[in-house]
Amino acid sequence: RRVSVALFVEAALVNGPIKATFNRS
């Protein structure tokens, strides 16, 4: 459960605000 929740958090952060901030091609 901890791994699955952590992966959800990671995906939300990385694919959301972090990638949007850098927007590298």
PDBML (XML) file of the C-alpha atoms, coordinates in Angstrom:
<?xml version="1.0" encoding="UTF-8" ?>
<PDBx:datablock datablockName="MODEL"
   xmlns:PDBx="http://pdbml.pdb.org/schema/pdbx-v50.xsd"
   xmlns:xsi="http://www.w3.org/2001/XMLSchema-instance"
   xsi:schemaLocation="http://pdbml.pdb.org/schema/pdbx-v50.xsd pdbx-v50.xsd">
   <PDBx:atom_siteCategory>
      <PDBx:atom_site id="1">
         <PDBx:B_iso_or_equiv>0.00</PDBx:B_iso_or_equiv>
         <PDBx:Cartn_x>0.000</PDBx:Cartn_x>
         <PDBx:Cartn_y>0.000</PDBx:Cartn_y>
         <PDBx:Cartn_z>0.000</PDBx:Cartn_z>
         <PDBx:auth_asym_id>A</PDBx:auth_asym_id>
         <PDBx:auth_atom_id>CA</PDBx:auth_atom_id>
         <PDBx:auth_comp_id>ARG</PDBx:auth_comp_id>
         <PDBx:auth_seq_id>1</PDBx:auth_seq_id>
         <PDBx:group_PDB>ATOM</PDBx:group_PDB>
         <PDBx:label_alt_id xsi:nil="true" />
         <PDBx:label_asym_id>A</PDBx:label_asym_id>
         <PDBx:label_atom_id>CA</PDBx:label_atom_id>
         <PDBx:label_comp_id>ARG</PDBx:label_comp_id>
         <PDBx:label_entity_id>1</PDBx:label_entity_id>
         <PDBx:label_seq_id>1</PDBx:label_seq_id>
         <PDBx:occupancy>1.00</PDBx:occupancy>
         <PDBx:pdbx_PDB_model_num>1</PDBx:pdbx_PDB_model_num>
         <PDBx:type_symbol>C</PDBx:type_symbol>
      </PDBx:atom_site>
      <PDBx:atom_site id="2">
         <PDBx:B_iso_or_equiv>0.00</PDBx:B_iso_or_equiv>
         <PDBx:Cartn_x>2.800</PDBx:Cartn_x>
         <PDBx:Cartn_y>2.380</PDBx:Cartn_y>
         <PDBx:Cartn_z>0.936</PDBx:Cartn_z>
         <PDBx:auth_asym_id>A</PDBx:auth_asym_id>
         <PDBx:auth_atom_id>CA</PDBx:auth_atom_id>
         <PDBx:auth_comp_id>ARG</PDBx:auth_comp_id>
         <PDBx:auth_seq_id>2</PDBx:auth_seq_id>
         <PDBx:group_PDB>ATOM</PDBx:group_PDB>
         <PDBx:label_alt_id xsi:nil="true" />
         <PDBx:label_asym_id>A</PDBx:label_asym_id>
         <PDBx:label_atom_id>CA</PDBx:label_atom_id>
         <PDBx:label_comp_id>ARG</PDBx:label_comp_id>
         <PDBx:label_entity_id>1</PDBx:label_entity_id>
         <PDBx:label_seq_id>2</PDBx:label_seq_id>
         <PDBx:occupancy>1.00</PDBx:occupancy>
         <PDBx:pdbx_PDB_model_num>1</PDBx:pdbx_PDB_model_num>
         <PDBx:type_symbol>C</PDBx:type_symbol>
      </PDBx:atom_site>
      <PDBx:atom_site id="3">
         <PDBx:B_iso_or_equiv>0.00</PDBx:B_iso_or_equiv>
         <PDBx:Cartn_x>4.576</PDBx:Cartn_x>
         <PDBx:Cartn_y>1.746</PDBx:Cartn_y>
         <PDBx:Cartn_z>-2.376</PDBx:Cartn_z>
         <PDBx:auth_asym_id>A</PDBx:auth_asym_id>
         <PDBx:auth_atom_id>CA</PDBx:auth_atom_id>
         <PDBx:auth_comp_id>VAL</PDBx:auth_comp_id>
         <PDBx:auth_seq_id>3</PDBx:auth_seq_id>
         <PDBx:group_PDB>ATOM</PDBx:group_PDB>
         <PDBx:label_alt_id xsi:nil="true" />
         <PDBx:label_asym_id>A</PDBx:label_asym_id>
         <PDBx:label_atom_id>CA</PDBx:label_atom_id>
         <PDBx:label_comp_id>VAL</PDBx:label_comp_id>
         <PDBx:label_entity_id>1</PDBx:label_entity_id>
         <PDBx:label_seq_id>3</PDBx:label_seq_id>
         <PDBx:occupancy>1.00</PDBx:occupancy>
         <PDBx:pdbx_PDB_model_num>1</PDBx:pdbx_PDB_model_num>
         <PDBx:type_symbol>C</PDBx:type_symbol>
      </PDBx:atom_site>
      <PDBx:atom_site id="4">
         <PDBx:B_iso_or_equiv>0.00</PDBx:B_iso_or_equiv>
         <PDBx:Cartn_x>1.379</PDBx:Cartn_x>
         <PDBx:Cartn_y>2.254</PDBx:Cartn_y>
         <PDBx:Cartn_z>-4.390</PDBx:Cartn_z>
         <PDBx:auth_asym_id>A</PDBx:auth_asym_id>
         <PDBx:auth_atom_id>CA</PDBx:auth_atom_id>
         <PDBx:auth_comp_id>SER</PDBx:auth_comp_id>
         <PDBx:auth_seq_id>4</PDBx:auth_seq_id>
         <PDBx:group_PDB>ATOM</PDBx:group_PDB>
         <PDBx:label_alt_id xsi:nil="true" />
         <PDBx:label_asym_id>A</PDBx:label_asym_id>
         <PDBx:label_atom_id>CA</PDBx:label_atom_id>
         <PDBx:label_comp_id>SER</PDBx:label_comp_id>
         <PDBx:label_entity_id>1</PDBx:label_entity_id>
         <PDBx:label_seq_id>4</PDBx:label_seq_id>
         <PDBx:occupancy>1.00</PDBx:occupancy>
         <PDBx:pdbx_PDB_model_num>1</PDBx:pdbx_PDB_model_num>
         <PDBx:type_symbol>C</PDBx:type_symbol>
      </PDBx:atom_site>
      <PDBx:atom_site id="5">
         <PDBx:B_iso_or_equiv>0.00</PDBx:B_iso_or_equiv>
         <PDBx:Cartn_x>0.532</PDBx:Cartn_x>
         <PDBx:Cartn_y>5.482</PDBx:Cartn_y>
         <PDBx:Cartn_z>-2.549</PDBx:Cartn_z>
         <PDBx:auth_asym_id>A</PDBx:auth_asym_id>
         <PDBx:auth_atom_id>CA</PDBx:auth_atom_id>
         <PDBx:auth_comp_id>VAL</PDBx:auth_comp_id>
         <PDBx:auth_seq_id>5</PDBx:auth_seq_id>
         <PDBx:group_PDB>ATOM</PDBx:group_PDB>
         <PDBx:label_alt_id xsi:nil="true" />
         <PDBx:label_asym_id>A</PDBx:label_asym_id>
         <PDBx:label_atom_id>CA</PDBx:label_atom_id>
         <PDBx:label_comp_id>VAL</PDBx:label_comp_id>
         <PDBx:label_entity_id>1</PDBx:label_entity_id>
         <PDBx:label_seq_id>5</PDBx:label_seq_id>
         <PDBx:occupancy>1.00</PDBx:occupancy>
         <PDBx:pdbx_PDB_model_num>1</PDBx:pdbx_PDB_model_num>
         <PDBx:type_symbol>C</PDBx:type_symbol>
      </PDBx:atom_site>
      <PDBx:atom_site id="6">
         <PDBx:B_iso_or_equiv>0.00</PDBx:B_iso_or_equiv>
         <PDBx:Cartn_x>4.120</PDBx:Cartn_x>
         <PDBx:Cartn_y>6.711</PDBx:Cartn_y>
         <PDBx:Cartn_z>-2.932</PDBx:Cartn_z>
         <PDBx:auth_asym_id>A</PDBx:auth_asym_id>
         <PDBx:auth_atom_id>CA</PDBx:auth_atom_id>
         <PDBx:auth_comp_id>ALA</PDBx:auth_comp_id>
         <PDBx:auth_seq_id>6</PDBx:auth_seq_id>
         <PDBx:group_PDB>ATOM</PDBx:group_PDB>
         <PDBx:label_alt_id xsi:nil="true" />
         <PDBx:label_asym_id>A</PDBx:label_asym_id>
         <PDBx:label_atom_id>CA</PDBx:label_atom_id>
         <PDBx:label_comp_id>ALA</PDBx:label_comp_id>
         <PDBx:label_entity_id>1</PDBx:label_entity_id>
         <PDBx:label_seq_id>6</PDBx:label_seq_id>
         <PDBx:occupancy>1.00</PDBx:occupancy>
         <PDBx:pdbx_PDB_model_num>1</PDBx:pdbx_PDB_model_num>
         <PDBx:type_symbol>C</PDBx:type_symbol>
      </PDBx:atom_site>
      <PDBx:atom_site id="7">
         <PDBx:B_iso_or_equiv>0.00</PDBx:B_iso_or_equiv>
         <PDBx:Cartn_x>3.990</PDBx:Cartn_x>
         <PDBx:Cartn_y>6.013</PDBx:Cartn_y>
         <PDBx:Cartn_z>-6.671</PDBx:Cartn_z>
         <PDBx:auth_asym_id>A</PDBx:auth_asym_id>
         <PDBx:auth_atom_id>CA</PDBx:auth_atom_id>
         <PDBx:auth_comp_id>LEU</PDBx:auth_comp_id>
         <PDBx:auth_seq_id>7</PDBx:auth_seq_id>
         <PDBx:group_PDB>ATOM</PDBx:group_PDB>
         <PDBx:label_alt_id xsi:nil="true" />
         <PDBx:label_asym_id>A</PDBx:label_asym_id>
         <PDBx:label_atom_id>CA</PDBx:label_atom_id>
         <PDBx:label_comp_id>LEU</PDBx:label_comp_id>
         <PDBx:label_entity_id>1</PDBx:label_entity_id>
         <PDBx:label_seq_id>7</PDBx:label_seq_id>
         <PDBx:occupancy>1.00</PDBx:occupancy>
         <PDBx:pdbx_PDB_model_num>1</PDBx:pdbx_PDB_model_num>
         <PDBx:type_symbol>C</PDBx:type_symbol>
      </PDBx:atom_site>
      <PDBx:atom_site id="8">
         <PDBx:B_iso_or_equiv>0.00</PDBx:B_iso_or_equiv>
         <PDBx:Cartn_x>0.720</PDBx:Cartn_x>
         <PDBx:Cartn_y>7.926</PDBx:Cartn_y>
         <PDBx:Cartn_z>-6.926</PDBx:Cartn_z>
         <PDBx:auth_asym_id>A</PDBx:auth_asym_id>
         <PDBx:auth_atom_id>CA</PDBx:auth_atom_id>
         <PDBx:auth_comp_id>PHE</PDBx:auth_comp_id>
         <PDBx:auth_seq_id>8</PDBx:auth_seq_id>
         <PDBx:group_PDB>ATOM</PDBx:group_PDB>
         <PDBx:label_alt_id xsi:nil="true" />
         <PDBx:label_asym_id>A</PDBx:label_asym_id>
         <PDBx:label_atom_id>CA</PDBx:label_atom_id>
         <PDBx:label_comp_id>PHE</PDBx:label_comp_id>
         <PDBx:label_entity_id>1</PDBx:label_entity_id>
         <PDBx:label_seq_id>8</PDBx:label_seq_id>
         <PDBx:occupancy>1.00</PDBx:occupancy>
         <PDBx:pdbx_PDB_model_num>1</PDBx:pdbx_PDB_model_num>
         <PDBx:type_symbol>C</PDBx:type_symbol>
      </PDBx:atom_site>
      <PDBx:atom_site id="9">
         <PDBx:B_iso_or_equiv>0.00</PDBx:B_iso_or_equiv>
         <PDBx:Cartn_x>2.284</PDBx:Cartn_x>
         <PDBx:Cartn_y>10.885</PDBx:Cartn_y>
         <PDBx:Cartn_z>-5.102</PDBx:Cartn_z>
         <PDBx:auth_asym_id>A</PDBx:auth_asym_id>
         <PDBx:auth_atom_id>CA</PDBx:auth_atom_id>
         <PDBx:auth_comp_id>VAL</PDBx:auth_comp_id>
         <PDBx:auth_seq_id>9</PDBx:auth_seq_id>
         <PDBx:group_PDB>ATOM</PDBx:group_PDB>
         <PDBx:label_alt_id xsi:nil="true" />
         <PDBx:label_asym_id>A</PDBx:label_asym_id>
         <PDBx:label_atom_id>CA</PDBx:label_atom_id>
         <PDBx:label_comp_id>VAL</PDBx:label_comp_id>
         <PDBx:label_entity_id>1</PDBx:label_entity_id>
         <PDBx:label_seq_id>9</PDBx:label_seq_id>
         <PDBx:occupancy>1.00</PDBx:occupancy>
         <PDBx:pdbx_PDB_model_num>1</PDBx:pdbx_PDB_model_num>
         <PDBx:type_symbol>C</PDBx:type_symbol>
      </PDBx:atom_site>
      <PDBx:atom_site id="10">
         <PDBx:B_iso_or_equiv>0.00</PDBx:B_iso_or_equiv>
         <PDBx:Cartn_x>5.406</PDBx:Cartn_x>
         <PDBx:Cartn_y>10.691</PDBx:Cartn_y>
         <PDBx:Cartn_z>-7.272</PDBx:Cartn_z>
         <PDBx:auth_asym_id>A</PDBx:auth_asym_id>
         <PDBx:auth_atom_id>CA</PDBx:auth_atom_id>
         <PDBx:auth_comp_id>GLU</PDBx:auth_comp_id>
         <PDBx:auth_seq_id>10</PDBx:auth_seq_id>
         <PDBx:group_PDB>ATOM</PDBx:group_PDB>
         <PDBx:label_alt_id xsi:nil="true" />
         <PDBx:label_asym_id>A</PDBx:label_asym_id>
         <PDBx:label_atom_id>CA</PDBx:label_atom_id>
         <PDBx:label_comp_id>GLU</PDBx:label_comp_id>
         <PDBx:label_entity_id>1</PDBx:label_entity_id>
         <PDBx:label_seq_id>10</PDBx:label_seq_id>
         <PDBx:occupancy>1.00</PDBx:occupancy>
         <PDBx:pdbx_PDB_model_num>1</PDBx:pdbx_PDB_model_num>
         <PDBx:type_symbol>C</PDBx:type_symbol>
      </PDBx:atom_site>
      <PDBx:atom_site id="11">
         <PDBx:B_iso_or_equiv>0.00</PDBx:B_iso_or_equiv>
         <PDBx:Cartn_x>3.352</PDBx:Cartn_x>
         <PDBx:Cartn_y>10.642</PDBx:Cartn_y>
         <PDBx:Cartn_z>-10.487</PDBx:Cartn_z>
         <PDBx:auth_asym_id>A</PDBx:auth_asym_id>
         <PDBx:auth_atom_id>CA</PDBx:auth_atom_id>
         <PDBx:auth_comp_id>ALA</PDBx:auth_comp_id>
         <PDBx:auth_seq_id>11</PDBx:auth_seq_id>
         <PDBx:group_PDB>ATOM</PDBx:group_PDB>
         <PDBx:label_alt_id xsi:nil="true" />
         <PDBx:label_asym_id>A</PDBx:label_asym_id>
         <PDBx:label_atom_id>CA</PDBx:label_atom_id>
         <PDBx:label_comp_id>ALA</PDBx:label_comp_id>
         <PDBx:label_entity_id>1</PDBx:label_entity_id>
         <PDBx:label_seq_id>11</PDBx:label_seq_id>
         <PDBx:occupancy>1.00</PDBx:occupancy>
         <PDBx:pdbx_PDB_model_num>1</PDBx:pdbx_PDB_model_num>
         <PDBx:type_symbol>C</PDBx:type_symbol>
      </PDBx:atom_site>
      <PDBx:atom_site id="12">
         <PDBx:B_iso_or_equiv>0.00</PDBx:B_iso_or_equiv>
         <PDBx:Cartn_x>1.152</PDBx:Cartn_x>
         <PDBx:Cartn_y>13.521</PDBx:Cartn_y>
         <PDBx:Cartn_z>-9.362</PDBx:Cartn_z>
         <PDBx:auth_asym_id>A</PDBx:auth_asym_id>
         <PDBx:auth_atom_id>CA</PDBx:auth_atom_id>
         <PDBx:auth_comp_id>ALA</PDBx:auth_comp_id>
         <PDBx:auth_seq_id>12</PDBx:auth_seq_id>
         <PDBx:group_PDB>ATOM</PDBx:group_PDB>
         <PDBx:label_alt_id xsi:nil="true" />
         <PDBx:label_asym_id>A</PDBx:label_asym_id>
         <PDBx:label_atom_id>CA</PDBx:label_atom_id>
         <PDBx:label_comp_id>ALA</PDBx:label_comp_id>
         <PDBx:label_entity_id>1</PDBx:label_entity_id>
         <PDBx:label_seq_id>12</PDBx:label_seq_id>
         <PDBx:occupancy>1.00</PDBx:occupancy>
         <PDBx:pdbx_PDB_model_num>1</PDBx:pdbx_PDB_model_num>
         <PDBx:type_symbol>C</PDBx:type_symbol>
      </PDBx:atom_site>
      <PDBx:atom_site id="13">
         <PDBx:B_iso_or_equiv>0.00</PDBx:B_iso_or_equiv>
         <PDBx:Cartn_x>4.152</PDBx:Cartn_x>
         <PDBx:Cartn_y>15.679</PDBx:Cartn_y>
         <PDBx:Cartn_z>-8.456</PDBx:Cartn_z>
         <PDBx:auth_asym_id>A</PDBx:auth_asym_id>
         <PDBx:auth_atom_id>CA</PDBx:auth_atom_id>
         <PDBx:auth_comp_id>LEU</PDBx:auth_comp_id>
         <PDBx:auth_seq_id>13</PDBx:auth_seq_id>
         <PDBx:group_PDB>ATOM</PDBx:group_PDB>
         <PDBx:label_alt_id xsi:nil="true" />
         <PDBx:label_asym_id>A</PDBx:label_asym_id>
         <PDBx:label_atom_id>CA</PDBx:label_atom_id>
         <PDBx:label_comp_id>LEU</PDBx:label_comp_id>
         <PDBx:label_entity_id>1</PDBx:label_entity_id>
         <PDBx:label_seq_id>13</PDBx:label_seq_id>
         <PDBx:occupancy>1.00</PDBx:occupancy>
         <PDBx:pdbx_PDB_model_num>1</PDBx:pdbx_PDB_model_num>
         <PDBx:type_symbol>C</PDBx:type_symbol>
      </PDBx:atom_site>
      <PDBx:atom_site id="14">
         <PDBx:B_iso_or_equiv>0.00</PDBx:B_iso_or_equiv>
         <PDBx:Cartn_x>6.446</PDBx:Cartn_x>
         <PDBx:Cartn_y>14.815</PDBx:Cartn_y>
         <PDBx:Cartn_z>-11.348</PDBx:Cartn_z>
         <PDBx:auth_asym_id>A</PDBx:auth_asym_id>
         <PDBx:auth_atom_id>CA</PDBx:auth_atom_id>
         <PDBx:auth_comp_id>VAL</PDBx:auth_comp_id>
         <PDBx:auth_seq_id>14</PDBx:auth_seq_id>
         <PDBx:group_PDB>ATOM</PDBx:group_PDB>
         <PDBx:label_alt_id xsi:nil="true" />
         <PDBx:label_asym_id>A</PDBx:label_asym_id>
         <PDBx:label_atom_id>CA</PDBx:label_atom_id>
         <PDBx:label_comp_id>VAL</PDBx:label_comp_id>
         <PDBx:label_entity_id>1</PDBx:label_entity_id>
         <PDBx:label_seq_id>14</PDBx:label_seq_id>
         <PDBx:occupancy>1.00</PDBx:occupancy>
         <PDBx:pdbx_PDB_model_num>1</PDBx:pdbx_PDB_model_num>
         <PDBx:type_symbol>C</PDBx:type_symbol>
      </PDBx:atom_site>
      <PDBx:atom_site id="15">
         <PDBx:B_iso_or_equiv>0.00</PDBx:B_iso_or_equiv>
         <PDBx:Cartn_x>3.843</PDBx:Cartn_x>
         <PDBx:Cartn_y>14.729</PDBx:Cartn_y>
         <PDBx:Cartn_z>-14.130</PDBx:Cartn_z>
         <PDBx:auth_asym_id>A</PDBx:auth_asym_id>
         <PDBx:auth_atom_id>CA</PDBx:auth_atom_id>
         <PDBx:auth_comp_id>ASN</PDBx:auth_comp_id>
         <PDBx:auth_seq_id>15</PDBx:auth_seq_id>
         <PDBx:group_PDB>ATOM</PDBx:group_PDB>
         <PDBx:label_alt_id xsi:nil="true" />
         <PDBx:label_asym_id>A</PDBx:label_asym_id>
         <PDBx:label_atom_id>CA</PDBx:label_atom_id>
         <PDBx:label_comp_id>ASN</PDBx:label_comp_id>
         <PDBx:label_entity_id>1</PDBx:label_entity_id>
         <PDBx:label_seq_id>15</PDBx:label_seq_id>
         <PDBx:occupancy>1.00</PDBx:occupancy>
         <PDBx:pdbx_PDB_model_num>1</PDBx:pdbx_PDB_model_num>
         <PDBx:type_symbol>C</PDBx:type_symbol>
      </PDBx:atom_site>
      <PDBx:atom_site id="16">
         <PDBx:B_iso_or_equiv>0.00</PDBx:B_iso_or_equiv>
         <PDBx:Cartn_x>2.041</PDBx:Cartn_x>
         <PDBx:Cartn_y>17.752</PDBx:Cartn_y>
         <PDBx:Cartn_z>-12.724</PDBx:Cartn_z>
         <PDBx:auth_asym_id>A</PDBx:auth_asym_id>
         <PDBx:auth_atom_id>CA</PDBx:auth_atom_id>
         <PDBx:auth_comp_id>GLY</PDBx:auth_comp_id>
         <PDBx:auth_seq_id>16</PDBx:auth_seq_id>
         <PDBx:group_PDB>ATOM</PDBx:group_PDB>
         <PDBx:label_alt_id xsi:nil="true" />
         <PDBx:label_asym_id>A</PDBx:label_asym_id>
         <PDBx:label_atom_id>CA</PDBx:label_atom_id>
         <PDBx:label_comp_id>GLY</PDBx:label_comp_id>
         <PDBx:label_entity_id>1</PDBx:label_entity_id>
         <PDBx:label_seq_id>16</PDBx:label_seq_id>
         <PDBx:occupancy>1.00</PDBx:occupancy>
         <PDBx:pdbx_PDB_model_num>1</PDBx:pdbx_PDB_model_num>
         <PDBx:type_symbol>C</PDBx:type_symbol>
      </PDBx:atom_site>
      <PDBx:atom_site id="17">
         <PDBx:B_iso_or_equiv>0.00</PDBx:B_iso_or_equiv>
         <PDBx:Cartn_x>3.747</PDBx:Cartn_x>
         <PDBx:Cartn_y>20.802</PDBx:Cartn_y>
         <PDBx:Cartn_z>-11.277</PDBx:Cartn_z>
         <PDBx:auth_asym_id>A</PDBx:auth_asym_id>
         <PDBx:auth_atom_id>CA</PDBx:auth_atom_id>
         <PDBx:auth_comp_id>PRO</PDBx:auth_comp_id>
         <PDBx:auth_seq_id>17</PDBx:auth_seq_id>
         <PDBx:group_PDB>ATOM</PDBx:group_PDB>
         <PDBx:label_alt_id xsi:nil="true" />
         <PDBx:label_asym_id>A</PDBx:label_asym_id>
         <PDBx:label_atom_id>CA</PDBx:label_atom_id>
         <PDBx:label_comp_id>PRO</PDBx:label_comp_id>
         <PDBx:label_entity_id>1</PDBx:label_entity_id>
         <PDBx:label_seq_id>17</PDBx:label_seq_id>
         <PDBx:occupancy>1.00</PDBx:occupancy>
         <PDBx:pdbx_PDB_model_num>1</PDBx:pdbx_PDB_model_num>
         <PDBx:type_symbol>C</PDBx:type_symbol>
      </PDBx:atom_site>
      <PDBx:atom_site id="18">
         <PDBx:B_iso_or_equiv>0.00</PDBx:B_iso_or_equiv>
         <PDBx:Cartn_x>7.369</PDBx:Cartn_x>
         <PDBx:Cartn_y>19.712</PDBx:Cartn_y>
         <PDBx:Cartn_z>-11.728</PDBx:Cartn_z>
         <PDBx:auth_asym_id>A</PDBx:auth_asym_id>
         <PDBx:auth_atom_id>CA</PDBx:auth_atom_id>
         <PDBx:auth_comp_id>ILE</PDBx:auth_comp_id>
         <PDBx:auth_seq_id>18</PDBx:auth_seq_id>
         <PDBx:group_PDB>ATOM</PDBx:group_PDB>
         <PDBx:label_alt_id xsi:nil="true" />
         <PDBx:label_asym_id>A</PDBx:label_asym_id>
         <PDBx:label_atom_id>CA</PDBx:label_atom_id>
         <PDBx:label_comp_id>ILE</PDBx:label_comp_id>
         <PDBx:label_entity_id>1</PDBx:label_entity_id>
         <PDBx:label_seq_id>18</PDBx:label_seq_id>
         <PDBx:occupancy>1.00</PDBx:occupancy>
         <PDBx:pdbx_PDB_model_num>1</PDBx:pdbx_PDB_model_num>
         <PDBx:type_symbol>C</PDBx:type_symbol>
      </PDBx:atom_site>
      <PDBx:atom_site id="19">
         <PDBx:B_iso_or_equiv>0.00</PDBx:B_iso_or_equiv>
         <PDBx:Cartn_x>7.156</PDBx:Cartn_x>
         <PDBx:Cartn_y>18.962</PDBx:Cartn_y>
         <PDBx:Cartn_z>-15.461</PDBx:Cartn_z>
         <PDBx:auth_asym_id>A</PDBx:auth_asym_id>
         <PDBx:auth_atom_id>CA</PDBx:auth_atom_id>
         <PDBx:auth_comp_id>LYS</PDBx:auth_comp_id>
         <PDBx:auth_seq_id>19</PDBx:auth_seq_id>
         <PDBx:group_PDB>ATOM</PDBx:group_PDB>
         <PDBx:label_alt_id xsi:nil="true" />
         <PDBx:label_asym_id>A</PDBx:label_asym_id>
         <PDBx:label_atom_id>CA</PDBx:label_atom_id>
         <PDBx:label_comp_id>LYS</PDBx:label_comp_id>
         <PDBx:label_entity_id>1</PDBx:label_entity_id>
         <PDBx:label_seq_id>19</PDBx:label_seq_id>
         <PDBx:occupancy>1.00</PDBx:occupancy>
         <PDBx:pdbx_PDB_model_num>1</PDBx:pdbx_PDB_model_num>
         <PDBx:type_symbol>C</PDBx:type_symbol>
      </PDBx:atom_site>
      <PDBx:atom_site id="20">
         <PDBx:B_iso_or_equiv>0.00</PDBx:B_iso_or_equiv>
         <PDBx:Cartn_x>4.906</PDBx:Cartn_x>
         <PDBx:Cartn_y>21.986</PDBx:Cartn_y>
         <PDBx:Cartn_z>-16.006</PDBx:Cartn_z>
         <PDBx:auth_asym_id>A</PDBx:auth_asym_id>
         <PDBx:auth_atom_id>CA</PDBx:auth_atom_id>
         <PDBx:auth_comp_id>ALA</PDBx:auth_comp_id>
         <PDBx:auth_seq_id>20</PDBx:auth_seq_id>
         <PDBx:group_PDB>ATOM</PDBx:group_PDB>
         <PDBx:label_alt_id xsi:nil="true" />
         <PDBx:label_asym_id>A</PDBx:label_asym_id>
         <PDBx:label_atom_id>CA</PDBx:label_atom_id>
         <PDBx:label_comp_id>ALA</PDBx:label_comp_id>
         <PDBx:label_entity_id>1</PDBx:label_entity_id>
         <PDBx:label_seq_id>20</PDBx:label_seq_id>
         <PDBx:occupancy>1.00</PDBx:occupancy>
         <PDBx:pdbx_PDB_model_num>1</PDBx:pdbx_PDB_model_num>
         <PDBx:type_symbol>C</PDBx:type_symbol>
      </PDBx:atom_site>
      <PDBx:atom_site id="21">
         <PDBx:B_iso_or_equiv>0.00</PDBx:B_iso_or_equiv>
         <PDBx:Cartn_x>7.508</PDBx:Cartn_x>
         <PDBx:Cartn_y>24.233</PDBx:Cartn_y>
         <PDBx:Cartn_z>-14.369</PDBx:Cartn_z>
         <PDBx:auth_asym_id>A</PDBx:auth_asym_id>
         <PDBx:auth_atom_id>CA</PDBx:auth_atom_id>
         <PDBx:auth_comp_id>THR</PDBx:auth_comp_id>
         <PDBx:auth_seq_id>21</PDBx:auth_seq_id>
         <PDBx:group_PDB>ATOM</PDBx:group_PDB>
         <PDBx:label_alt_id xsi:nil="true" />
         <PDBx:label_asym_id>A</PDBx:label_asym_id>
         <PDBx:label_atom_id>CA</PDBx:label_atom_id>
         <PDBx:label_comp_id>THR</PDBx:label_comp_id>
         <PDBx:label_entity_id>1</PDBx:label_entity_id>
         <PDBx:label_seq_id>21</PDBx:label_seq_id>
         <PDBx:occupancy>1.00</PDBx:occupancy>
         <PDBx:pdbx_PDB_model_num>1</PDBx:pdbx_PDB_model_num>
         <PDBx:type_symbol>C</PDBx:type_symbol>
      </PDBx:atom_site>
      <PDBx:atom_site id="22">
         <PDBx:B_iso_or_equiv>0.00</PDBx:B_iso_or_equiv>
         <PDBx:Cartn_x>10.296</PDBx:Cartn_x>
         <PDBx:Cartn_y>23.152</PDBx:Cartn_y>
         <PDBx:Cartn_z>-16.716</PDBx:Cartn_z>
         <PDBx:auth_asym_id>A</PDBx:auth_asym_id>
         <PDBx:auth_atom_id>CA</PDBx:auth_atom_id>
         <PDBx:auth_comp_id>PHE</PDBx:auth_comp_id>
         <PDBx:auth_seq_id>22</PDBx:auth_seq_id>
         <PDBx:group_PDB>ATOM</PDBx:group_PDB>
         <PDBx:label_alt_id xsi:nil="true" />
         <PDBx:label_asym_id>A</PDBx:label_asym_id>
         <PDBx:label_atom_id>CA</PDBx:label_atom_id>
         <PDBx:label_comp_id>PHE</PDBx:label_comp_id>
         <PDBx:label_entity_id>1</PDBx:label_entity_id>
         <PDBx:label_seq_id>22</PDBx:label_seq_id>
         <PDBx:occupancy>1.00</PDBx:occupancy>
         <PDBx:pdbx_PDB_model_num>1</PDBx:pdbx_PDB_model_num>
         <PDBx:type_symbol>C</PDBx:type_symbol>
      </PDBx:atom_site>
      <PDBx:atom_site id="23">
         <PDBx:B_iso_or_equiv>0.00</PDBx:B_iso_or_equiv>
         <PDBx:Cartn_x>8.339</PDBx:Cartn_x>
         <PDBx:Cartn_y>22.287</PDBx:Cartn_y>
         <PDBx:Cartn_z>-19.877</PDBx:Cartn_z>
         <PDBx:auth_asym_id>A</PDBx:auth_asym_id>
         <PDBx:auth_atom_id>CA</PDBx:auth_atom_id>
         <PDBx:auth_comp_id>ASN</PDBx:auth_comp_id>
         <PDBx:auth_seq_id>23</PDBx:auth_seq_id>
         <PDBx:group_PDB>ATOM</PDBx:group_PDB>
         <PDBx:label_alt_id xsi:nil="true" />
         <PDBx:label_asym_id>A</PDBx:label_asym_id>
         <PDBx:label_atom_id>CA</PDBx:label_atom_id>
         <PDBx:label_comp_id>ASN</PDBx:label_comp_id>
         <PDBx:label_entity_id>1</PDBx:label_entity_id>
         <PDBx:label_seq_id>23</PDBx:label_seq_id>
         <PDBx:occupancy>1.00</PDBx:occupancy>
         <PDBx:pdbx_PDB_model_num>1</PDBx:pdbx_PDB_model_num>
         <PDBx:type_symbol>C</PDBx:type_symbol>
      </PDBx:atom_site>
      <PDBx:atom_site id="24">
         <PDBx:B_iso_or_equiv>0.00</PDBx:B_iso_or_equiv>
         <PDBx:Cartn_x>11.395</PDBx:Cartn_x>
         <PDBx:Cartn_y>20.860</PDBx:Cartn_y>
         <PDBx:Cartn_z>-21.650</PDBx:Cartn_z>
         <PDBx:auth_asym_id>A</PDBx:auth_asym_id>
         <PDBx:auth_atom_id>CA</PDBx:auth_atom_id>
         <PDBx:auth_comp_id>ARG</PDBx:auth_comp_id>
         <PDBx:auth_seq_id>24</PDBx:auth_seq_id>
         <PDBx:group_PDB>ATOM</PDBx:group_PDB>
         <PDBx:label_alt_id xsi:nil="true" />
         <PDBx:label_asym_id>A</PDBx:label_asym_id>
         <PDBx:label_atom_id>CA</PDBx:label_atom_id>
         <PDBx:label_comp_id>ARG</PDBx:label_comp_id>
         <PDBx:label_entity_id>1</PDBx:label_entity_id>
         <PDBx:label_seq_id>24</PDBx:label_seq_id>
         <PDBx:occupancy>1.00</PDBx:occupancy>
         <PDBx:pdbx_PDB_model_num>1</PDBx:pdbx_PDB_model_num>
         <PDBx:type_symbol>C</PDBx:type_symbol>
      </PDBx:atom_site>
      <PDBx:atom_site id="25">
         <PDBx:B_iso_or_equiv>0.00</PDBx:B_iso_or_equiv>
         <PDBx:Cartn_x>10.945</PDBx:Cartn_x>
         <PDBx:Cartn_y>19.413</PDBx:Cartn_y>
         <PDBx:Cartn_z>-25.102</PDBx:Cartn_z>
         <PDBx:auth_asym_id>A</PDBx:auth_asym_id>
         <PDBx:auth_atom_id>CA</PDBx:auth_atom_id>
         <PDBx:auth_comp_id>SER</PDBx:auth_comp_id>
         <PDBx:auth_seq_id>25</PDBx:auth_seq_id>
         <PDBx:group_PDB>ATOM</PDBx:group_PDB>
         <PDBx:label_alt_id xsi:nil="true" />
         <PDBx:label_asym_id>A</PDBx:label_asym_id>
         <PDBx:label_atom_id>CA</PDBx:label_atom_id>
         <PDBx:label_comp_id>SER</PDBx:label_comp_id>
         <PDBx:label_entity_id>1</PDBx:label_entity_id>
         <PDBx:label_seq_id>25</PDBx:label_seq_id>
         <PDBx:occupancy>1.00</PDBx:occupancy>
         <PDBx:pdbx_PDB_model_num>1</PDBx:pdbx_PDB_model_num>
         <PDBx:type_symbol>C</PDBx:type_symbol>
      </PDBx:atom_site>
   </PDBx:atom_siteCategory>
</PDBx:datablock>
